[in-house]
Amino acid sequence: MVVVDSQDKGGGAFVVREAWTLTYGTPLPKSFYGSDATSGLAADCAVSVMDGVIEATFTRAATIAPTDQLGANVTQGVDTTVVWAFGEAGGGFMMDYHLQHRGTAFVTW
């Protein structure tokens, strides 16, 4: 998963990182689960905030490394399930449990 997290409640200094979780806990780096593979998250990630709306853009490789057991390939023309969630309203910009602020969408690249 790609996680957008702020280093402070004011929404400054966002970090875009790749993570994984097997529980309802905070997503952790893939290395925590013994994986050194990445899905090719590019360095050109960007985050902007306007009127309380956070928009994040990122680029990653369409094909993962064969050793990446925690990633998924993206195939052009095939629906891909995208899962999204965001922290509790009023909690600032720092990662927080999302309660009912979550869902899924299907995206065709």
N, C-alpha and C. Protein backbone atom coordinates (compact mmCIF):
# COMPACT_ATOMS: atom_id res chain seq x y z
N MET A 1 0.84 -1.18 0.00
CA MET A 1 0.00 0.00 0.00
C MET A 1 0.88 1.23 0.00
N VAL A 2 0.31 2.31 -0.49
CA VAL A 2 0.99 3.59 -0.45
C VAL A 2 0.34 4.39 0.68
N VAL A 3 1.14 4.89 1.59
CA VAL A 3 0.65 5.63 2.75
C VAL A 3 1.13 7.07 2.65
N VAL A 4 0.20 8.00 2.85
CA VAL A 4 0.52 9.42 2.91
C VAL A 4 0.32 9.83 4.37
N ASP A 5 1.37 10.29 4.99
CA ASP A 5 1.32 10.59 6.42
C ASP A 5 2.03 11.91 6.68
N SER A 6 1.47 12.69 7.58
CA SER A 6 2.10 13.95 7.95
C SER A 6 2.95 13.75 9.19
N GLN A 7 3.99 14.52 9.27
CA GLN A 7 4.87 14.45 10.43
C GLN A 7 4.38 15.33 11.57
N ASP A 8 3.32 16.11 11.34
CA ASP A 8 2.75 16.94 12.40
C ASP A 8 1.26 17.12 12.15
N LYS A 9 0.50 17.52 13.18
CA LYS A 9 -0.95 17.68 13.05
C LYS A 9 -1.34 18.82 12.12
N GLY A 10 -0.43 19.71 11.82
CA GLY A 10 -0.74 20.85 10.96
C GLY A 10 -0.69 20.54 9.47
N GLY A 11 -0.25 19.35 9.11
CA GLY A 11 -0.22 18.97 7.70
C GLY A 11 1.03 19.39 6.97
N GLY A 12 2.10 19.67 7.69
CA GLY A 12 3.37 20.01 7.04
C GLY A 12 4.23 18.78 6.87
N ALA A 13 5.13 18.81 5.94
CA ALA A 13 6.13 17.76 5.75
C ALA A 13 5.51 16.38 5.60
N PHE A 14 4.71 16.19 4.56
CA PHE A 14 4.12 14.89 4.30
C PHE A 14 5.18 13.89 3.84
N VAL A 15 4.95 12.63 4.18
CA VAL A 15 5.79 11.53 3.74
C VAL A 15 4.91 10.58 2.95
N VAL A 16 5.37 10.19 1.76
CA VAL A 16 4.69 9.18 0.96
C VAL A 16 5.58 7.96 0.99
N ARG A 17 5.03 6.83 1.46
CA ARG A 17 5.87 5.65 1.63
C ARG A 17 5.08 4.39 1.30
N GLU A 18 5.81 3.34 1.03
CA GLU A 18 5.21 2.05 0.78
C GLU A 18 5.17 1.28 2.09
N ALA A 19 4.05 0.60 2.36
CA ALA A 19 3.91 -0.12 3.62
C ALA A 19 3.03 -1.35 3.41
N TRP A 20 2.81 -2.08 4.47
CA TRP A 20 1.99 -3.29 4.43
C TRP A 20 1.45 -3.52 5.82
N THR A 21 0.33 -4.23 5.92
CA THR A 21 -0.18 -4.62 7.22
C THR A 21 -0.94 -5.93 7.10
N LEU A 22 -0.84 -6.73 8.12
CA LEU A 22 -1.59 -7.98 8.21
C LEU A 22 -2.63 -7.91 9.32
N THR A 23 -2.72 -6.75 9.97
CA THR A 23 -3.61 -6.59 11.11
C THR A 23 -4.39 -5.28 10.95
N TYR A 24 -5.16 -4.95 11.96
CA TYR A 24 -5.85 -3.66 11.98
C TYR A 24 -4.96 -2.56 12.55
N GLY A 25 -3.68 -2.85 12.69
CA GLY A 25 -2.74 -1.89 13.24
C GLY A 25 -2.20 -0.94 12.18
N THR A 26 -1.31 -0.08 12.61
CA THR A 26 -0.67 0.89 11.73
C THR A 26 0.16 0.16 10.68
N PRO A 27 0.02 0.54 9.40
CA PRO A 27 0.86 -0.08 8.36
C PRO A 27 2.34 0.14 8.65
N LEU A 28 3.13 -0.89 8.43
CA LEU A 28 4.56 -0.84 8.71
C LEU A 28 5.34 -1.04 7.41
N PRO A 29 6.62 -0.66 7.39
CA PRO A 29 7.43 -0.92 6.19
C PRO A 29 7.44 -2.41 5.86
N LYS A 30 7.53 -2.74 4.56
CA LYS A 30 7.56 -4.14 4.16
C LYS A 30 8.71 -4.89 4.82
N SER A 31 9.78 -4.20 5.12
CA SER A 31 10.94 -4.85 5.75
C SER A 31 10.57 -5.46 7.11
N PHE A 32 9.56 -4.89 7.78
CA PHE A 32 9.11 -5.43 9.05
C PHE A 32 8.61 -6.87 8.87
N TYR A 33 8.04 -7.16 7.72
CA TYR A 33 7.51 -8.49 7.43
C TYR A 33 8.53 -9.37 6.70
N GLY A 34 9.77 -8.93 6.65
CA GLY A 34 10.84 -9.73 6.07
C GLY A 34 11.03 -9.54 4.58
N SER A 35 10.39 -8.54 3.98
CA SER A 35 10.52 -8.31 2.55
C SER A 35 11.44 -7.12 2.30
N ASP A 36 12.39 -7.30 1.40
CA ASP A 36 13.24 -6.17 1.02
C ASP A 36 12.83 -5.63 -0.35
N ALA A 37 11.77 -6.22 -0.93
CA ALA A 37 11.30 -5.79 -2.25
C ALA A 37 10.40 -4.56 -2.13
N THR A 38 10.41 -3.75 -3.16
CA THR A 38 9.49 -2.61 -3.23
C THR A 38 8.70 -2.72 -4.52
N SER A 39 7.63 -1.98 -4.62
CA SER A 39 6.82 -1.96 -5.84
C SER A 39 7.25 -0.84 -6.76
N GLY A 40 8.42 -0.30 -6.54
CA GLY A 40 8.96 0.72 -7.43
C GLY A 40 8.35 2.09 -7.23
N LEU A 41 7.99 2.44 -6.00
CA LEU A 41 7.45 3.77 -5.73
C LEU A 41 8.49 4.81 -6.10
N ALA A 42 8.13 5.71 -7.00
CA ALA A 42 9.07 6.71 -7.52
C ALA A 42 9.25 7.86 -6.54
N ALA A 43 10.34 8.57 -6.71
CA ALA A 43 10.67 9.69 -5.82
C ALA A 43 9.85 10.94 -6.12
N ASP A 44 9.08 10.96 -7.22
CA ASP A 44 8.36 12.17 -7.62
C ASP A 44 6.96 12.27 -7.01
N CYS A 45 6.76 11.71 -5.82
CA CYS A 45 5.47 11.79 -5.14
C CYS A 45 5.22 13.23 -4.72
N ALA A 46 3.94 13.63 -4.73
CA ALA A 46 3.61 15.00 -4.34
C ALA A 46 2.33 14.98 -3.51
N VAL A 47 2.26 15.88 -2.55
CA VAL A 47 1.08 16.03 -1.70
C VAL A 47 0.72 17.50 -1.64
N SER A 48 -0.56 17.80 -1.86
CA SER A 48 -1.02 19.17 -1.71
C SER A 48 -2.27 19.18 -0.84
N VAL A 49 -2.46 20.28 -0.12
CA VAL A 49 -3.62 20.45 0.75
C VAL A 49 -4.29 21.76 0.40
N MET A 50 -5.60 21.70 0.10
CA MET A 50 -6.35 22.91 -0.19
C MET A 50 -7.74 22.78 0.42
N ASP A 51 -8.11 23.71 1.26
CA ASP A 51 -9.42 23.70 1.92
C ASP A 51 -9.70 22.38 2.63
N GLY A 52 -8.69 21.83 3.28
CA GLY A 52 -8.86 20.60 4.04
C GLY A 52 -8.86 19.32 3.21
N VAL A 53 -8.67 19.44 1.91
CA VAL A 53 -8.64 18.27 1.03
C VAL A 53 -7.18 17.93 0.73
N ILE A 54 -6.82 16.68 0.95
CA ILE A 54 -5.46 16.23 0.69
C ILE A 54 -5.46 15.50 -0.65
N GLU A 55 -4.56 15.90 -1.52
CA GLU A 55 -4.40 15.21 -2.80
C GLU A 55 -2.97 14.71 -2.90
N ALA A 56 -2.84 13.42 -3.15
CA ALA A 56 -1.51 12.81 -3.27
C ALA A 56 -1.38 12.19 -4.65
N THR A 57 -0.25 12.41 -5.26
CA THR A 57 0.05 11.76 -6.54
C THR A 57 1.35 10.97 -6.38
N PHE A 58 1.39 9.83 -7.04
CA PHE A 58 2.58 9.01 -6.98
C PHE A 58 2.68 8.18 -8.24
N THR A 59 3.88 7.68 -8.48
CA THR A 59 4.15 6.80 -9.60
C THR A 59 4.85 5.57 -9.06
N ARG A 60 4.46 4.42 -9.57
CA ARG A 60 5.13 3.18 -9.19
C ARG A 60 5.21 2.28 -10.41
N ALA A 61 6.08 1.31 -10.34
CA ALA A 61 6.23 0.37 -11.44
C ALA A 61 4.95 -0.46 -11.60
N ALA A 62 4.61 -0.81 -12.84
CA ALA A 62 3.43 -1.63 -13.09
C ALA A 62 3.68 -3.09 -12.73
N THR A 63 4.92 -3.52 -12.86
CA THR A 63 5.28 -4.91 -12.58
C THR A 63 6.18 -4.94 -11.36
N ILE A 64 5.84 -5.79 -10.41
CA ILE A 64 6.65 -5.90 -9.20
C ILE A 64 7.77 -6.90 -9.40
N ALA A 65 8.74 -6.85 -8.53
CA ALA A 65 9.85 -7.81 -8.57
C ALA A 65 9.33 -9.20 -8.23
N PRO A 66 9.90 -10.24 -8.83
CA PRO A 66 9.46 -11.61 -8.53
C PRO A 66 9.58 -11.97 -7.05
N THR A 67 10.46 -11.29 -6.33
CA THR A 67 10.63 -11.58 -4.90
C THR A 67 9.66 -10.82 -4.01
N ASP A 68 8.81 -9.97 -4.59
CA ASP A 68 7.88 -9.17 -3.80
C ASP A 68 6.61 -9.96 -3.53
N GLN A 69 6.53 -10.59 -2.38
CA GLN A 69 5.36 -11.38 -2.01
C GLN A 69 4.23 -10.52 -1.44
N LEU A 70 4.50 -9.23 -1.22
CA LEU A 70 3.50 -8.35 -0.61
C LEU A 70 2.97 -7.30 -1.58
N GLY A 71 3.32 -7.41 -2.85
CA GLY A 71 2.88 -6.43 -3.84
C GLY A 71 1.96 -7.05 -4.86
N ALA A 72 1.53 -6.24 -5.82
CA ALA A 72 0.65 -6.73 -6.88
C ALA A 72 0.98 -6.01 -8.18
N ASN A 73 0.92 -6.75 -9.28
CA ASN A 73 1.12 -6.16 -10.59
C ASN A 73 -0.10 -5.35 -10.99
N VAL A 74 0.12 -4.35 -11.82
CA VAL A 74 -0.96 -3.56 -12.40
C VAL A 74 -0.93 -3.85 -13.90
N THR A 75 -2.05 -4.31 -14.46
CA THR A 75 -2.11 -4.67 -15.86
C THR A 75 -3.02 -3.71 -16.61
N GLN A 76 -2.50 -3.13 -17.66
CA GLN A 76 -3.26 -2.17 -18.45
C GLN A 76 -4.54 -2.83 -18.98
N GLY A 77 -5.67 -2.14 -18.83
CA GLY A 77 -6.95 -2.62 -19.31
C GLY A 77 -7.67 -3.57 -18.39
N VAL A 78 -7.07 -3.90 -17.24
CA VAL A 78 -7.69 -4.82 -16.29
C VAL A 78 -8.05 -4.05 -15.02
N ASP A 79 -9.29 -4.24 -14.54
CA ASP A 79 -9.70 -3.58 -13.30
C ASP A 79 -8.76 -3.94 -12.16
N THR A 80 -8.36 -2.94 -11.40
CA THR A 80 -7.53 -3.13 -10.22
C THR A 80 -8.30 -2.60 -9.02
N THR A 81 -8.38 -3.38 -7.97
CA THR A 81 -9.06 -2.93 -6.76
C THR A 81 -8.15 -1.96 -6.02
N VAL A 82 -8.67 -0.79 -5.71
CA VAL A 82 -7.95 0.22 -4.94
C VAL A 82 -8.69 0.39 -3.62
N VAL A 83 -7.99 0.22 -2.52
CA VAL A 83 -8.56 0.37 -1.19
C VAL A 83 -8.06 1.70 -0.64
N TRP A 84 -8.96 2.48 -0.06
CA TRP A 84 -8.57 3.77 0.48
C TRP A 84 -9.12 3.93 1.89
N ALA A 85 -8.45 4.77 2.67
CA ALA A 85 -8.91 5.10 4.02
C ALA A 85 -8.23 6.39 4.44
N PHE A 86 -8.86 7.12 5.34
CA PHE A 86 -8.22 8.29 5.91
C PHE A 86 -8.61 8.43 7.37
N GLY A 87 -7.77 9.14 8.12
CA GLY A 87 -7.95 9.26 9.57
C GLY A 87 -9.22 9.97 9.97
N GLU A 88 -9.54 9.87 11.22
CA GLU A 88 -10.74 10.48 11.78
C GLU A 88 -10.76 11.98 11.56
N ALA A 89 -11.90 12.50 11.13
CA ALA A 89 -12.06 13.95 10.93
C ALA A 89 -11.76 14.69 12.23
N GLY A 90 -11.03 15.78 12.13
CA GLY A 90 -10.69 16.58 13.30
C GLY A 90 -9.43 16.11 14.00
N GLY A 91 -8.86 15.02 13.54
CA GLY A 91 -7.67 14.48 14.18
C GLY A 91 -6.38 15.08 13.63
N GLY A 92 -6.50 16.12 12.82
CA GLY A 92 -5.32 16.66 12.19
C GLY A 92 -4.93 15.80 11.00
N PHE A 93 -3.71 15.91 10.57
CA PHE A 93 -3.25 15.20 9.39
C PHE A 93 -2.45 13.94 9.72
N MET A 94 -2.18 13.69 10.98
CA MET A 94 -1.37 12.53 11.33
C MET A 94 -2.19 11.25 11.21
N MET A 95 -1.50 10.12 10.97
CA MET A 95 -2.19 8.85 10.80
C MET A 95 -2.99 8.54 12.05
N ASP A 96 -4.24 8.17 11.82
CA ASP A 96 -5.15 7.85 12.90
C ASP A 96 -6.05 6.73 12.39
N TYR A 97 -6.68 6.01 13.29
CA TYR A 97 -7.60 4.98 12.86
C TYR A 97 -8.72 5.60 12.04
N HIS A 98 -9.11 4.95 10.96
CA HIS A 98 -10.03 5.55 10.00
C HIS A 98 -11.51 5.33 10.30
N LEU A 99 -11.86 4.53 11.28
CA LEU A 99 -13.27 4.25 11.60
C LEU A 99 -14.04 3.93 10.32
N GLN A 100 -15.04 4.72 9.98
CA GLN A 100 -15.86 4.45 8.80
C GLN A 100 -15.36 5.17 7.55
N HIS A 101 -14.21 5.83 7.64
CA HIS A 101 -13.67 6.58 6.50
C HIS A 101 -12.80 5.65 5.63
N ARG A 102 -13.45 4.73 4.94
CA ARG A 102 -12.72 3.76 4.14
C ARG A 102 -13.64 3.23 3.04
N GLY A 103 -13.01 2.62 2.03
CA GLY A 103 -13.80 2.04 0.97
C GLY A 103 -12.90 1.42 -0.10
N THR A 104 -13.53 1.00 -1.17
CA THR A 104 -12.81 0.42 -2.29
C THR A 104 -13.33 1.02 -3.59
N ALA A 105 -12.52 0.97 -4.60
CA ALA A 105 -12.91 1.41 -5.94
C ALA A 105 -12.19 0.52 -6.94
N PHE A 106 -12.73 0.43 -8.14
CA PHE A 106 -12.06 -0.30 -9.21
C PHE A 106 -11.55 0.71 -10.23
N VAL A 107 -10.27 0.60 -10.56
CA VAL A 107 -9.64 1.52 -11.49
C VAL A 107 -9.06 0.70 -12.64
N THR A 108 -9.29 1.17 -13.87
CA THR A 108 -8.68 0.54 -15.03
C THR A 108 -7.61 1.50 -15.54
N TRP A 109 -6.38 1.05 -15.55
CA TRP A 109 -5.24 1.88 -15.92
C TRP A 109 -5.06 1.87 -17.41
